[in-house]
Structure formats: structure tokens, C-alpha cells
């Protein structure tokens, strides 16, 4: 399988896992406070990443760049999760799903790599189609005026777009080990949520097996697997394309809600699913063509500059 195809598949798997995280997180936060759930999620993730690092026989040494980048990304990722979790708790699922999808549009605006500059207007039409699709997917419960939860989810969308763009920017010139970056992120997240969760640690220890299974799923699949593969994938594609592929997350959320949550798929939601798939693939094609053209133009410019440089002639002694 070509590298580009493997990267796309990996990003789709992340979208699927994150789509399933809503049901798990909603159930877990019904039993424990949000900060306790986030601390447990990060702590389990950090332990898993530490075990992976220790088990790598050929693991290379950590670099300062990895520690700095991982620490910064840990802060931005934690900000996304806390804003998103508290936001969903104070607004409807329809508004949250629509607003968080704005990440698809915001990421290209924040992604300042060479291949992302001057994206054609058709790309933003495709991204807008995805936003419209999410609106249709969540329209059955209706929309309302902006309130606290909406503002928090909007902030989460901005921070998530910045996080995805930041991953691409930090790893563009200096390739980094995805496992090292993910480990650093989980350690930073654990430290950030430790103090707020201290008072609820006894409740966490006495949680039911169901709650612990949800926390482990959120940690190992929605955090370790997703963060690790996302870092690996973004290094092999653009942040803009990654955002479009991750934008299929609402489709998986609807599918899992129907399968395990007893929700019904309305006609408008079905239309939204079709538009989401169409907009995602259209945006992929536009972005891929633009990125290829930009790379070709850059290579041609380099060759032209090299050919115009005067060749030094040897001088006689």
C-alpha cells in the first residue's frame, strides 16, 4: 500500500476512534468529575507510553527538540480536551458537533507551511460543504443562540486547529519520534490535571469495572493510539489534509450512536453523511493537487536558481 494511502487509512481510523469517544466520555463523566476523567485518561496513557518506550530495543535517545515540542503539544492537546469536554456538558450535541467541525476551515488558515499557502478557493468550498454536512447530521435536535457551552466548543475548535497545524510546523524541518512526542504529551497532561483531580482520587479508585473500562479505552485508543498515529500521519501529509480526513469524525459518532446508543438516523442526517464524504474526498483531491503543484514549482525554482549561478573558473598559478 502506498505511503499516502496508509496515511489516509490511519487518519480515518483516528476519526473512527474519536467518534466513538463521545459515548465513552459521556458515560465516564456521568460517574466521575471531568478533571478526574481527564487525569485518569492521561495517567493511563503516560504509563502505556512509558512501557512502549522501555520495550523498544532500538529506541534512540530523546532530543531536546522532542521534549520541547512534546511539552508544548501536551499543553495545547490538554486545552482542546478540557474545553471540548466542558463545552459539550453545557450545550447540545448538535451545536457542539457543528462548531467543533469548524476546525476543518480553521486549520488551513493557521497552517503556514509552504505547501498550504495560497490554497485555491475551491478548497474552502469543500471545507464549507463539510461544515454544512455536520449541520445536517446534528440538525435533528435543533440549534440555538450562542451560549457558554457553544463558546467553549468554539474555543476548542480554534485550539484544535492550532494544535494540528503546530504538529506539522514543529515536525516539518526536524523529524521527531512520534512515540517520544506522544509520551511527552501524556506526561504533561497528567501533570496538568493531577492537582484538580486530587480530591476525587478515592472515588476514582473505587469506580466500577464499567467506568474503568471506559477510562482505559479513552486512554489507550482515543489517546495513545490516536495521538501516536496522528503525529506519525501529519509528518507524512499536510495539516490541512489531515484536518479534512479527521473531519469524518461526526460520521463515526453518528454510526456508533445508532449502533450502541439507540439513536435514529433522520433523512437530513443521511444527507449530511453523504455531503461529508463528498466534501472530504473533494477537499482531499484539491489539496493534494495544490500540494503537488507547489512542490513541483519549488523544485523547478531551485533548479533554475542553480543553473543561473555562475560556475567558478579555475585560475592559473
C-alpha atoms as a PDB file:
ATOM      1  CA  UNK A   1       0.000   0.000   0.000  1.00  0.00           C
ATOM      2  CA  UNK A   2       1.450   3.424  -0.941  1.00  0.00           C
ATOM      3  CA  UNK A   3       2.505   5.710   1.892  1.00  0.00           C
ATOM      4  CA  UNK A   4      -0.200   8.262   1.018  1.00  0.00           C
ATOM      5  CA  UNK A   5      -2.898   5.585   1.192  1.00  0.00           C
ATOM      6  CA  UNK A   6      -1.600   4.232   4.505  1.00  0.00           C
ATOM      7  CA  UNK A   7      -1.597   7.741   5.904  1.00  0.00           C
ATOM      8  CA  UNK A   8      -5.209   8.297   4.825  1.00  0.00           C
ATOM      9  CA  UNK A   9      -6.312   4.986   6.356  1.00  0.00           C
ATOM     10  CA  UNK A  10      -4.556   5.841   9.620  1.00  0.00           C
ATOM     11  CA  UNK A  11      -6.290   9.228   9.813  1.00  0.00           C
ATOM     12  CA  UNK A  12      -9.672   7.639   9.095  1.00  0.00           C
ATOM     13  CA  UNK A  13      -9.064   5.168  11.938  1.00  0.00           C
ATOM     14  CA  UNK A  14      -8.321   8.066  14.265  1.00  0.00           C
ATOM     15  CA  UNK A  15     -11.586   9.715  13.209  1.00  0.00           C
ATOM     16  CA  UNK A  16     -13.429   6.462  13.944  1.00  0.00           C
ATOM     17  CA  UNK A  17     -11.874   6.129  17.395  1.00  0.00           C
ATOM     18  CA  UNK A  18     -12.548   9.754  18.258  1.00  0.00           C
ATOM     19  CA  UNK A  19     -16.101   9.372  17.008  1.00  0.00           C
ATOM     20  CA  UNK A  20     -16.590   6.538  19.477  1.00  0.00           C
ATOM     21  CA  UNK A  21     -15.039   8.558  22.313  1.00  0.00           C
ATOM     22  CA  UNK A  22     -18.151  10.712  22.781  1.00  0.00           C
ATOM     23  CA  UNK A  23     -20.243   7.843  24.117  1.00  0.00           C
ATOM     24  CA  UNK A  24     -17.431   6.568  26.355  1.00  0.00           C
ATOM     25  CA  UNK A  25     -16.598  10.029  27.712  1.00  0.00           C
ATOM     26  CA  UNK A  26     -20.240  10.900  28.304  1.00  0.00           C
ATOM     27  CA  UNK A  27     -20.760   7.742  30.372  1.00  0.00           C
ATOM     28  CA  UNK A  28     -17.495   8.180  32.276  1.00  0.00           C
ATOM     29  CA  UNK A  29     -18.201  11.808  33.186  1.00  0.00           C
ATOM     30  CA  UNK A  30     -21.581  10.702  34.475  1.00  0.00           C
ATOM     31  CA  UNK A  31     -19.746   8.721  37.161  1.00  0.00           C
ATOM     32  CA  UNK A  32     -16.725  10.980  37.790  1.00  0.00           C
ATOM     33  CA  UNK A  33     -15.906  14.719  37.510  1.00  0.00           C
ATOM     34  CA  UNK A  34     -14.440  15.914  34.212  1.00  0.00           C
ATOM     35  CA  UNK A  35     -10.996  16.684  35.655  1.00  0.00           C
ATOM     36  CA  UNK A  36     -10.784  13.224  37.232  1.00  0.00           C
ATOM     37  CA  UNK A  37     -11.680  11.555  33.945  1.00  0.00           C
ATOM     38  CA  UNK A  38      -9.065  13.611  32.110  1.00  0.00           C
ATOM     39  CA  UNK A  39      -6.397  12.861  34.726  1.00  0.00           C
ATOM     40  CA  UNK A  40      -7.097   9.111  34.582  1.00  0.00           C
ATOM     41  CA  UNK A  41      -7.065   9.213  30.794  1.00  0.00           C
ATOM     42  CA  UNK A  42      -3.693  10.962  30.698  1.00  0.00           C
ATOM     43  CA  UNK A  43      -2.132   8.942  33.539  1.00  0.00           C
ATOM     44  CA  UNK A  44      -3.011   5.590  31.957  1.00  0.00           C
ATOM     45  CA  UNK A  45      -1.767   6.917  28.629  1.00  0.00           C
ATOM     46  CA  UNK A  46       1.542   8.020  30.167  1.00  0.00           C
ATOM     47  CA  UNK A  47       2.067   4.583  31.732  1.00  0.00           C
ATOM     48  CA  UNK A  48       1.342   2.874  28.416  1.00  0.00           C
ATOM     49  CA  UNK A  49       3.699   5.180  26.508  1.00  0.00           C
ATOM     50  CA  UNK A  50       6.399   4.662  29.117  1.00  0.00           C
ATOM     51  CA  UNK A  51       6.070   0.902  28.709  1.00  0.00           C
ATOM     52  CA  UNK A  52       6.345   1.240  24.924  1.00  0.00           C
ATOM     53  CA  UNK A  53       9.452   3.392  25.211  1.00  0.00           C
ATOM     54  CA  UNK A  54      11.066   0.907  27.620  1.00  0.00           C
ATOM     55  CA  UNK A  55      10.242  -2.050  25.368  1.00  0.00           C
ATOM     56  CA  UNK A  56      11.851  -0.539  22.262  1.00  0.00           C
ATOM     57  CA  UNK A  57      15.195  -2.293  21.935  1.00  0.00           C
ATOM     58  CA  UNK A  58      16.457   0.062  19.292  1.00  0.00           C
ATOM     59  CA  UNK A  59      14.984   3.199  20.804  1.00  0.00           C
ATOM     60  CA  UNK A  60      17.063   6.257  20.037  1.00  0.00           C
ATOM     61  CA  UNK A  61      17.881   8.882  22.585  1.00  0.00           C
ATOM     62  CA  UNK A  62      15.494  11.712  23.288  1.00  0.00           C
ATOM     63  CA  UNK A  63      16.367  15.073  21.802  1.00  0.00           C
ATOM     64  CA  UNK A  64      15.769  18.494  23.310  1.00  0.00           C
ATOM     65  CA  UNK A  65      13.587  19.364  20.334  1.00  0.00           C
ATOM     66  CA  UNK A  66      11.311  16.392  21.092  1.00  0.00           C
ATOM     67  CA  UNK A  67      10.993  17.362  24.749  1.00  0.00           C
ATOM     68  CA  UNK A  68      10.223  20.997  23.911  1.00  0.00           C
ATOM     69  CA  UNK A  69       7.773  20.138  21.135  1.00  0.00           C
ATOM     70  CA  UNK A  70       6.081  17.384  23.140  1.00  0.00           C
ATOM     71  CA  UNK A  71       5.645  19.663  26.152  1.00  0.00           C
ATOM     72  CA  UNK A  72       4.099  22.422  24.055  1.00  0.00           C
ATOM     73  CA  UNK A  73       1.818  19.989  22.217  1.00  0.00           C
ATOM     74  CA  UNK A  74       0.831  18.475  25.558  1.00  0.00           C
ATOM     75  CA  UNK A  75      -0.459  21.844  26.723  1.00  0.00           C
ATOM     76  CA  UNK A  76      -2.411  22.523  23.524  1.00  0.00           C
ATOM     77  CA  UNK A  77      -3.887  18.997  23.443  1.00  0.00           C
ATOM     78  CA  UNK A  78      -4.951  19.260  27.095  1.00  0.00           C
ATOM     79  CA  UNK A  79      -6.569  22.609  26.333  1.00  0.00           C
ATOM     80  CA  UNK A  80      -8.555  21.034  23.494  1.00  0.00           C
ATOM     81  CA  UNK A  81      -9.835  18.204  25.688  1.00  0.00           C
ATOM     82  CA  UNK A  82     -10.817  20.359  28.654  1.00  0.00           C
ATOM     83  CA  UNK A  83     -12.578  22.971  26.516  1.00  0.00           C
ATOM     84  CA  UNK A  84     -14.347  20.342  24.445  1.00  0.00           C
ATOM     85  CA  UNK A  85     -15.446  18.259  27.443  1.00  0.00           C
ATOM     86  CA  UNK A  86     -16.775  21.174  29.474  1.00  0.00           C
ATOM     87  CA  UNK A  87     -18.324  22.696  26.357  1.00  0.00           C
ATOM     88  CA  UNK A  88     -20.304  19.590  25.451  1.00  0.00           C
ATOM     89  CA  UNK A  89     -21.559  19.459  29.049  1.00  0.00           C
ATOM     90  CA  UNK A  90     -23.100  22.935  28.666  1.00  0.00           C
ATOM     91  CA  UNK A  91     -24.575  22.808  25.167  1.00  0.00           C
ATOM     92  CA  UNK A  92     -26.454  20.489  22.836  1.00  0.00           C
ATOM     93  CA  UNK A  93     -24.713  17.759  20.863  1.00  0.00           C
ATOM     94  CA  UNK A  94     -25.962  19.448  17.669  1.00  0.00           C
ATOM     95  CA  UNK A  95     -24.243  22.752  18.385  1.00  0.00           C
ATOM     96  CA  UNK A  96     -21.088  21.074  19.679  1.00  0.00           C
ATOM     97  CA  UNK A  97     -20.764  18.876  16.593  1.00  0.00           C
ATOM     98  CA  UNK A  98     -21.309  21.795  14.235  1.00  0.00           C
ATOM     99  CA  UNK A  99     -18.946  24.201  15.978  1.00  0.00           C
ATOM    100  CA  UNK A 100     -16.079  21.742  16.503  1.00  0.00           C
ATOM    101  CA  UNK A 101     -16.198  20.916  12.783  1.00  0.00           C
ATOM    102  CA  UNK A 102     -15.010  24.460  12.095  1.00  0.00           C
ATOM    103  CA  UNK A 103     -11.549  23.012  12.732  1.00  0.00           C
ATOM    104  CA  UNK A 104     -11.672  21.888   9.095  1.00  0.00           C
ATOM    105  CA  UNK A 105     -11.839  25.513   7.940  1.00  0.00           C
ATOM    106  CA  UNK A 106      -9.583  26.990  10.605  1.00  0.00           C
ATOM    107  CA  UNK A 107      -6.643  24.610  10.145  1.00  0.00           C
ATOM    108  CA  UNK A 108      -5.682  25.771   6.608  1.00  0.00           C
ATOM    109  CA  UNK A 109      -5.797  29.355   7.866  1.00  0.00           C
ATOM    110  CA  UNK A 110      -3.353  28.530  10.671  1.00  0.00           C
ATOM    111  CA  UNK A 111      -1.201  26.098   8.688  1.00  0.00           C
ATOM    112  CA  UNK A 112       1.592  28.286   7.301  1.00  0.00           C
ATOM    113  CA  UNK A 113       3.759  25.607   5.695  1.00  0.00           C
ATOM    114  CA  UNK A 114       4.885  26.320   2.143  1.00  0.00           C
ATOM    115  CA  UNK A 115       2.515  23.815   0.530  1.00  0.00           C
ATOM    116  CA  UNK A 116      -0.521  25.246   2.354  1.00  0.00           C
ATOM    117  CA  UNK A 117      -0.102  28.855   1.269  1.00  0.00           C
ATOM    118  CA  UNK A 118      -2.469  30.179  -1.335  1.00  0.00           C
ATOM    119  CA  UNK A 119      -4.934  27.297  -1.181  1.00  0.00           C
ATOM    120  CA  UNK A 120      -7.469  27.612  -4.009  1.00  0.00           C
ATOM    121  CA  UNK A 121     -10.908  28.903  -3.145  1.00  0.00           C
ATOM    122  CA  UNK A 122     -12.426  25.560  -4.099  1.00  0.00           C
ATOM    123  CA  UNK A 123     -10.714  24.016  -1.065  1.00  0.00           C
ATOM    124  CA  UNK A 124     -12.683  26.290   1.227  1.00  0.00           C
ATOM    125  CA  UNK A 125     -15.867  25.465  -0.676  1.00  0.00           C
ATOM    126  CA  UNK A 126     -15.181  21.778   0.057  1.00  0.00           C
ATOM    127  CA  UNK A 127     -14.473  22.591   3.705  1.00  0.00           C
ATOM    128  CA  UNK A 128     -17.685  24.612   3.888  1.00  0.00           C
ATOM    129  CA  UNK A 129     -19.539  21.629   2.447  1.00  0.00           C
ATOM    130  CA  UNK A 130     -18.187  19.544   5.327  1.00  0.00           C
ATOM    131  CA  UNK A 131     -19.400  22.115   7.838  1.00  0.00           C
ATOM    132  CA  UNK A 132     -22.839  22.100   6.196  1.00  0.00           C
ATOM    133  CA  UNK A 133     -22.798  18.305   6.375  1.00  0.00           C
ATOM    134  CA  UNK A 134     -22.166  18.353  10.114  1.00  0.00           C
ATOM    135  CA  UNK A 135     -25.008  20.844  10.495  1.00  0.00           C
ATOM    136  CA  UNK A 136     -27.333  18.395   8.741  1.00  0.00           C
ATOM    137  CA  UNK A 137     -26.019  15.500  10.804  1.00  0.00           C
ATOM    138  CA  UNK A 138     -26.890  17.328  14.010  1.00  0.00           C
ATOM    139  CA  UNK A 139     -29.974  19.249  12.840  1.00  0.00           C
ATOM    140  CA  UNK A 140     -32.496  16.843  14.304  1.00  0.00           C
ATOM    141  CA  UNK A 141     -32.086  18.339  17.796  1.00  0.00           C
ATOM    142  CA  UNK A 142     -32.163  21.925  16.568  1.00  0.00           C
ATOM    143  CA  UNK A 143     -29.841  24.882  17.030  1.00  0.00           C
ATOM    144  CA  UNK A 144     -29.990  27.838  19.390  1.00  0.00           C
ATOM    145  CA  UNK A 145     -28.247  31.103  20.132  1.00  0.00           C
ATOM    146  CA  UNK A 146     -24.626  31.101  21.251  1.00  0.00           C
ATOM    147  CA  UNK A 147     -24.185  30.417  24.968  1.00  0.00           C
ATOM    148  CA  UNK A 148     -21.388  29.370  27.353  1.00  0.00           C
ATOM    149  CA  UNK A 149     -21.078  25.806  26.067  1.00  0.00           C
ATOM    150  CA  UNK A 150     -21.037  26.980  22.448  1.00  0.00           C
ATOM    151  CA  UNK A 151     -18.284  29.484  23.212  1.00  0.00           C
ATOM    152  CA  UNK A 152     -16.188  26.779  24.907  1.00  0.00           C
ATOM    153  CA  UNK A 153     -16.568  24.402  21.964  1.00  0.00           C
ATOM    154  CA  UNK A 154     -15.719  27.232  19.567  1.00  0.00           C
ATOM    155  CA  UNK A 155     -12.545  27.843  21.573  1.00  0.00           C
ATOM    156  CA  UNK A 156     -11.825  24.107  21.406  1.00  0.00           C
ATOM    157  CA  UNK A 157     -12.160  24.193  17.608  1.00  0.00           C
ATOM    158  CA  UNK A 158      -9.678  27.078  17.375  1.00  0.00           C
ATOM    159  CA  UNK A 159      -7.191  25.378  19.711  1.00  0.00           C
ATOM    160  CA  UNK A 160      -7.564  22.027  17.929  1.00  0.00           C
ATOM    161  CA  UNK A 161      -6.856  23.664  14.570  1.00  0.00           C
ATOM    162  CA  UNK A 162      -3.817  25.344  16.072  1.00  0.00           C
ATOM    163  CA  UNK A 163      -2.688  22.049  17.583  1.00  0.00           C
ATOM    164  CA  UNK A 164      -2.876  20.179  14.262  1.00  0.00           C
ATOM    165  CA  UNK A 165      -1.059  22.997  12.469  1.00  0.00           C
ATOM    166  CA  UNK A 166       1.520  23.157  15.263  1.00  0.00           C
ATOM    167  CA  UNK A 167       2.291  19.438  14.940  1.00  0.00           C
ATOM    168  CA  UNK A 168       3.037  19.942  11.261  1.00  0.00           C
ATOM    169  CA  UNK A 169       5.111  23.067  11.877  1.00  0.00           C
ATOM    170  CA  UNK A 170       7.227  21.614  14.679  1.00  0.00           C
ATOM    171  CA  UNK A 171       7.980  18.385  12.830  1.00  0.00           C
ATOM    172  CA  UNK A 172       8.429  19.837   9.334  1.00  0.00           C
ATOM    173  CA  UNK A 173      12.152  20.612   9.482  1.00  0.00           C
ATOM    174  CA  UNK A 174      13.208  18.286  12.281  1.00  0.00           C
ATOM    175  CA  UNK A 175      11.722  14.771  12.048  1.00  0.00           C
ATOM    176  CA  UNK A 176      10.831  13.526  15.522  1.00  0.00           C
ATOM    177  CA  UNK A 177       9.927  10.196  17.037  1.00  0.00           C
ATOM    178  CA  UNK A 178       6.098  10.069  17.298  1.00  0.00           C
ATOM    179  CA  UNK A 179       6.341   7.878  20.416  1.00  0.00           C
ATOM    180  CA  UNK A 180       8.570  10.413  22.166  1.00  0.00           C
ATOM    181  CA  UNK A 181       6.203  13.257  21.296  1.00  0.00           C
ATOM    182  CA  UNK A 182       3.151  11.286  22.436  1.00  0.00           C
ATOM    183  CA  UNK A 183       4.840  10.277  25.703  1.00  0.00           C
ATOM    184  CA  UNK A 184       5.756  13.881  26.442  1.00  0.00           C
ATOM    185  CA  UNK A 185       2.179  14.995  25.728  1.00  0.00           C
ATOM    186  CA  UNK A 186       0.667  12.414  28.082  1.00  0.00           C
ATOM    187  CA  UNK A 187       3.116  13.221  30.890  1.00  0.00           C
ATOM    188  CA  UNK A 188       2.358  16.938  30.578  1.00  0.00           C
ATOM    189  CA  UNK A 189      -1.389  16.248  30.533  1.00  0.00           C
ATOM    190  CA  UNK A 190      -1.131  14.061  33.649  1.00  0.00           C
ATOM    191  CA  UNK A 191       0.735  16.812  35.490  1.00  0.00           C
ATOM    192  CA  UNK A 192      -1.791  19.474  34.446  1.00  0.00           C
ATOM    193  CA  UNK A 193      -4.829  17.532  35.706  1.00  0.00           C
ATOM    194  CA  UNK A 194      -3.255  15.969  38.813  1.00  0.00           C
ATOM    195  CA  UNK A 195      -3.964  18.816  41.232  1.00  0.00           C
ATOM    196  CA  UNK A 196      -7.610  19.394  40.151  1.00  0.00           C
ATOM    197  CA  UNK A 197      -8.275  15.650  40.454  1.00  0.00           C
ATOM    198  CA  UNK A 198      -6.596  15.054  43.839  1.00  0.00           C
ATOM    199  CA  UNK A 199      -9.784  15.337  45.891  1.00  0.00           C
ATOM    200  CA  UNK A 200     -11.590  12.776  43.707  1.00  0.00           C
ATOM    201  CA  UNK A 201      -8.836  10.132  43.607  1.00  0.00           C
ATOM    202  CA  UNK A 202     -10.594   7.949  46.240  1.00  0.00           C
ATOM    203  CA  UNK A 203     -13.742   7.945  44.081  1.00  0.00           C
ATOM    204  CA  UNK A 204     -11.617   7.035  41.078  1.00  0.00           C
ATOM    205  CA  UNK A 205     -10.045   4.108  42.920  1.00  0.00           C
ATOM    206  CA  UNK A 206     -13.482   2.732  43.869  1.00  0.00           C
ATOM    207  CA  UNK A 207     -15.054   3.203  40.421  1.00  0.00           C
ATOM    208  CA  UNK A 208     -16.938   0.356  38.806  1.00  0.00           C
ATOM    209  CA  UNK A 209     -15.447  -2.025  36.265  1.00  0.00           C
ATOM    210  CA  UNK A 210     -17.553  -0.363  33.576  1.00  0.00           C
ATOM    211  CA  UNK A 211     -16.128   3.071  34.356  1.00  0.00           C
ATOM    212  CA  UNK A 212     -12.575   1.730  34.406  1.00  0.00           C
ATOM    213  CA  UNK A 213     -13.086   0.007  31.056  1.00  0.00           C
ATOM    214  CA  UNK A 214     -14.246   3.310  29.578  1.00  0.00           C
ATOM    215  CA  UNK A 215     -11.253   5.145  31.053  1.00  0.00           C
ATOM    216  CA  UNK A 216      -8.858   2.526  29.688  1.00  0.00           C
ATOM    217  CA  UNK A 217     -10.482   2.758  26.257  1.00  0.00           C
ATOM    218  CA  UNK A 218     -10.220   6.549  26.278  1.00  0.00           C
ATOM    219  CA  UNK A 219      -6.573   6.308  27.342  1.00  0.00           C
ATOM    220  CA  UNK A 220      -5.227   3.511  25.155  1.00  0.00           C
ATOM    221  CA  UNK A 221      -7.259   4.014  21.997  1.00  0.00           C
ATOM    222  CA  UNK A 222      -8.512   7.602  21.995  1.00  0.00           C
ATOM    223  CA  UNK A 223      -5.252   8.996  23.415  1.00  0.00           C
ATOM    224  CA  UNK A 224      -2.176   6.777  22.918  1.00  0.00           C
ATOM    225  CA  UNK A 225      -3.211   5.234  19.598  1.00  0.00           C
ATOM    226  CA  UNK A 226      -4.799   8.413  18.237  1.00  0.00           C
ATOM    227  CA  UNK A 227      -2.042  10.829  19.332  1.00  0.00           C
ATOM    228  CA  UNK A 228       0.732   8.487  18.204  1.00  0.00           C
ATOM    229  CA  UNK A 229      -0.751   7.769  14.790  1.00  0.00           C
ATOM    230  CA  UNK A 230      -1.794  11.397  14.292  1.00  0.00           C
ATOM    231  CA  UNK A 231       1.773  12.575  14.870  1.00  0.00           C
ATOM    232  CA  UNK A 232       3.078   9.877  12.507  1.00  0.00           C
ATOM    233  CA  UNK A 233       0.491  10.738   9.840  1.00  0.00           C
ATOM    234  CA  UNK A 234       0.837  14.537   9.960  1.00  0.00           C
ATOM    235  CA  UNK A 235       4.574  14.158   9.335  1.00  0.00           C
ATOM    236  CA  UNK A 236       3.710  12.364   6.074  1.00  0.00           C
ATOM    237  CA  UNK A 237       0.976  14.682   4.830  1.00  0.00           C
ATOM    238  CA  UNK A 238      -0.164  18.275   5.327  1.00  0.00           C
ATOM    239  CA  UNK A 239      -2.051  19.583   8.340  1.00  0.00           C
ATOM    240  CA  UNK A 240      -4.837  20.762   6.024  1.00  0.00           C
ATOM    241  CA  UNK A 241      -5.377  17.324   4.514  1.00  0.00           C
ATOM    242  CA  UNK A 242      -5.178  15.699   7.946  1.00  0.00           C
ATOM    243  CA  UNK A 243      -7.873  18.060   9.201  1.00  0.00           C
ATOM    244  CA  UNK A 244     -10.189  17.113   6.333  1.00  0.00           C
ATOM    245  CA  UNK A 245      -9.743  13.399   6.977  1.00  0.00           C
ATOM    246  CA  UNK A 246     -10.220  13.827  10.711  1.00  0.00           C
ATOM    247  CA  UNK A 247     -13.343  15.801   9.843  1.00  0.00           C
ATOM    248  CA  UNK A 248     -15.141  12.500   9.153  1.00  0.00           C
ATOM    249  CA  UNK A 249     -15.314  12.044  12.930  1.00  0.00           C
ATOM    250  CA  UNK A 250     -19.015  13.093  13.107  1.00  0.00           C
ATOM    251  CA  UNK A 251     -19.977  10.282  10.708  1.00  0.00           C
ATOM    252  CA  UNK A 252     -18.451   7.699  13.010  1.00  0.00           C
ATOM    253  CA  UNK A 253     -20.072   9.369  16.016  1.00  0.00           C
ATOM    254  CA  UNK A 254     -23.486   9.048  14.348  1.00  0.00           C
ATOM    255  CA  UNK A 255     -22.860   5.437  13.310  1.00  0.00           C
ATOM    256  CA  UNK A 256     -21.790   4.421  16.818  1.00  0.00           C
ATOM    257  CA  UNK A 257     -24.655   6.357  18.360  1.00  0.00           C
ATOM    258  CA  UNK A 258     -27.096   4.415  16.186  1.00  0.00           C
ATOM    259  CA  UNK A 259     -25.438   1.065  16.839  1.00  0.00           C
ATOM    260  CA  UNK A 260     -24.876   1.355  20.588  1.00  0.00           C
ATOM    261  CA  UNK A 261     -26.826   4.385  21.750  1.00  0.00           C
ATOM    262  CA  UNK A 262     -30.206   3.677  20.182  1.00  0.00           C
ATOM    263  CA  UNK A 263     -30.238   6.896  18.144  1.00  0.00           C
ATOM    264  CA  UNK A 264     -32.123   7.221  14.869  1.00  0.00           C
ATOM    265  CA  UNK A 265     -30.719   8.437  11.559  1.00  0.00           C
ATOM    266  CA  UNK A 266     -33.047  11.022  10.045  1.00  0.00           C
ATOM    267  CA  UNK A 267     -33.290  11.916   6.363  1.00  0.00           C
ATOM    268  CA  UNK A 268     -31.348  15.141   6.937  1.00  0.00           C
ATOM    269  CA  UNK A 269     -28.653  13.238   8.829  1.00  0.00           C
ATOM    270  CA  UNK A 270     -28.345  10.762   5.955  1.00  0.00           C
ATOM    271  CA  UNK A 271     -27.941  13.669   3.520  1.00  0.00           C
ATOM    272  CA  UNK A 272     -25.307  15.140   5.830  1.00  0.00           C
ATOM    273  CA  UNK A 273     -23.329  11.881   5.828  1.00  0.00           C
ATOM    274  CA  UNK A 274     -23.302  11.850   2.016  1.00  0.00           C
ATOM    275  CA  UNK A 275     -22.215  15.501   1.853  1.00  0.00           C
ATOM    276  CA  UNK A 276     -19.479  14.888   4.431  1.00  0.00           C
ATOM    277  CA  UNK A 277     -17.965  12.056   2.400  1.00  0.00           C
ATOM    278  CA  UNK A 278     -18.240  14.033  -0.843  1.00  0.00           C
ATOM    279  CA  UNK A 279     -16.756  17.186   0.672  1.00  0.00           C
ATOM    280  CA  UNK A 280     -13.904  15.286   2.318  1.00  0.00           C
ATOM    281  CA  UNK A 281     -12.852  13.480  -0.854  1.00  0.00           C
ATOM    282  CA  UNK A 282     -13.229  16.636  -2.933  1.00  0.00           C
ATOM    283  CA  UNK A 283     -11.119  18.606  -0.490  1.00  0.00           C
ATOM    284  CA  UNK A 284      -8.502  15.840  -0.465  1.00  0.00           C
ATOM    285  CA  UNK A 285      -8.187  15.962  -4.239  1.00  0.00           C
ATOM    286  CA  UNK A 286      -7.902  19.774  -4.305  1.00  0.00           C
ATOM    287  CA  UNK A 287      -5.337  19.904  -1.505  1.00  0.00           C
ATOM    288  CA  UNK A 288      -3.288  17.028  -2.941  1.00  0.00           C
ATOM    289  CA  UNK A 289      -3.161  18.660  -6.376  1.00  0.00           C
ATOM    290  CA  UNK A 290      -2.216  22.018  -4.877  1.00  0.00           C
ATOM    291  CA  UNK A 291       0.492  20.485  -2.678  1.00  0.00           C
ATOM    292  CA  UNK A 292       1.977  18.543  -5.593  1.00  0.00           C
ATOM    293  CA  UNK A 293       1.979  21.632  -7.800  1.00  0.00           C
ATOM    294  CA  UNK A 294       3.631  23.686  -5.044  1.00  0.00           C
ATOM    295  CA  UNK A 295       6.342  21.062  -4.553  1.00  0.00           C
ATOM    296  CA  UNK A 296       6.963  20.856  -8.315  1.00  0.00           C
ATOM    297  CA  UNK A 297       7.191  24.646  -8.619  1.00  0.00           C
ATOM    298  CA  UNK A 298       9.606  24.829  -5.676  1.00  0.00           C
ATOM    299  CA  UNK A 299      11.815  22.133  -7.198  1.00  0.00           C
ATOM    300  CA  UNK A 300      11.783  23.874 -10.594  1.00  0.00           C
ATOM    301  CA  UNK A 301      12.719  27.179  -8.979  1.00  0.00           C
ATOM    302  CA  UNK A 302      15.631  25.546  -7.190  1.00  0.00           C
ATOM    303  CA  UNK A 303      16.892  24.003 -10.418  1.00  0.00           C
ATOM    304  CA  UNK A 304      16.554  27.343 -12.217  1.00  0.00           C
ATOM    305  CA  UNK A 305      18.459  29.180  -9.498  1.00  0.00           C
ATOM    306  CA  UNK A 306      21.216  26.577  -9.585  1.00  0.00           C
ATOM    307  CA  UNK A 307      21.501  26.844 -13.357  1.00  0.00           C
ATOM    308  CA  UNK A 308      21.829  30.633 -13.241  1.00  0.00           C
ATOM    309  CA  UNK A 309      24.601  30.610 -10.650  1.00  0.00           C
ATOM    310  CA  UNK A 310      27.971  31.312 -12.340  1.00  0.00           C
ATOM    311  CA  UNK A 311      30.393  28.412 -12.293  1.00  0.00           C
ATOM    312  CA  UNK A 312      33.770  29.466 -10.918  1.00  0.00           C
ATOM    313  CA  UNK A 313      36.602  29.039 -13.404  1.00  0.00           C
ATOM    314  CA  UNK A 314      39.977  27.781 -12.239  1.00  0.00           C
ATOM    315  CA  UNK A 315      42.766  30.328 -12.161  1.00  0.00           C
ATOM    316  CA  UNK A 316      46.317  29.598 -13.171  1.00  0.00           C
ATOM    317  CA  UNK A 317      49.036  29.777 -10.568  1.00  0.00           C
END
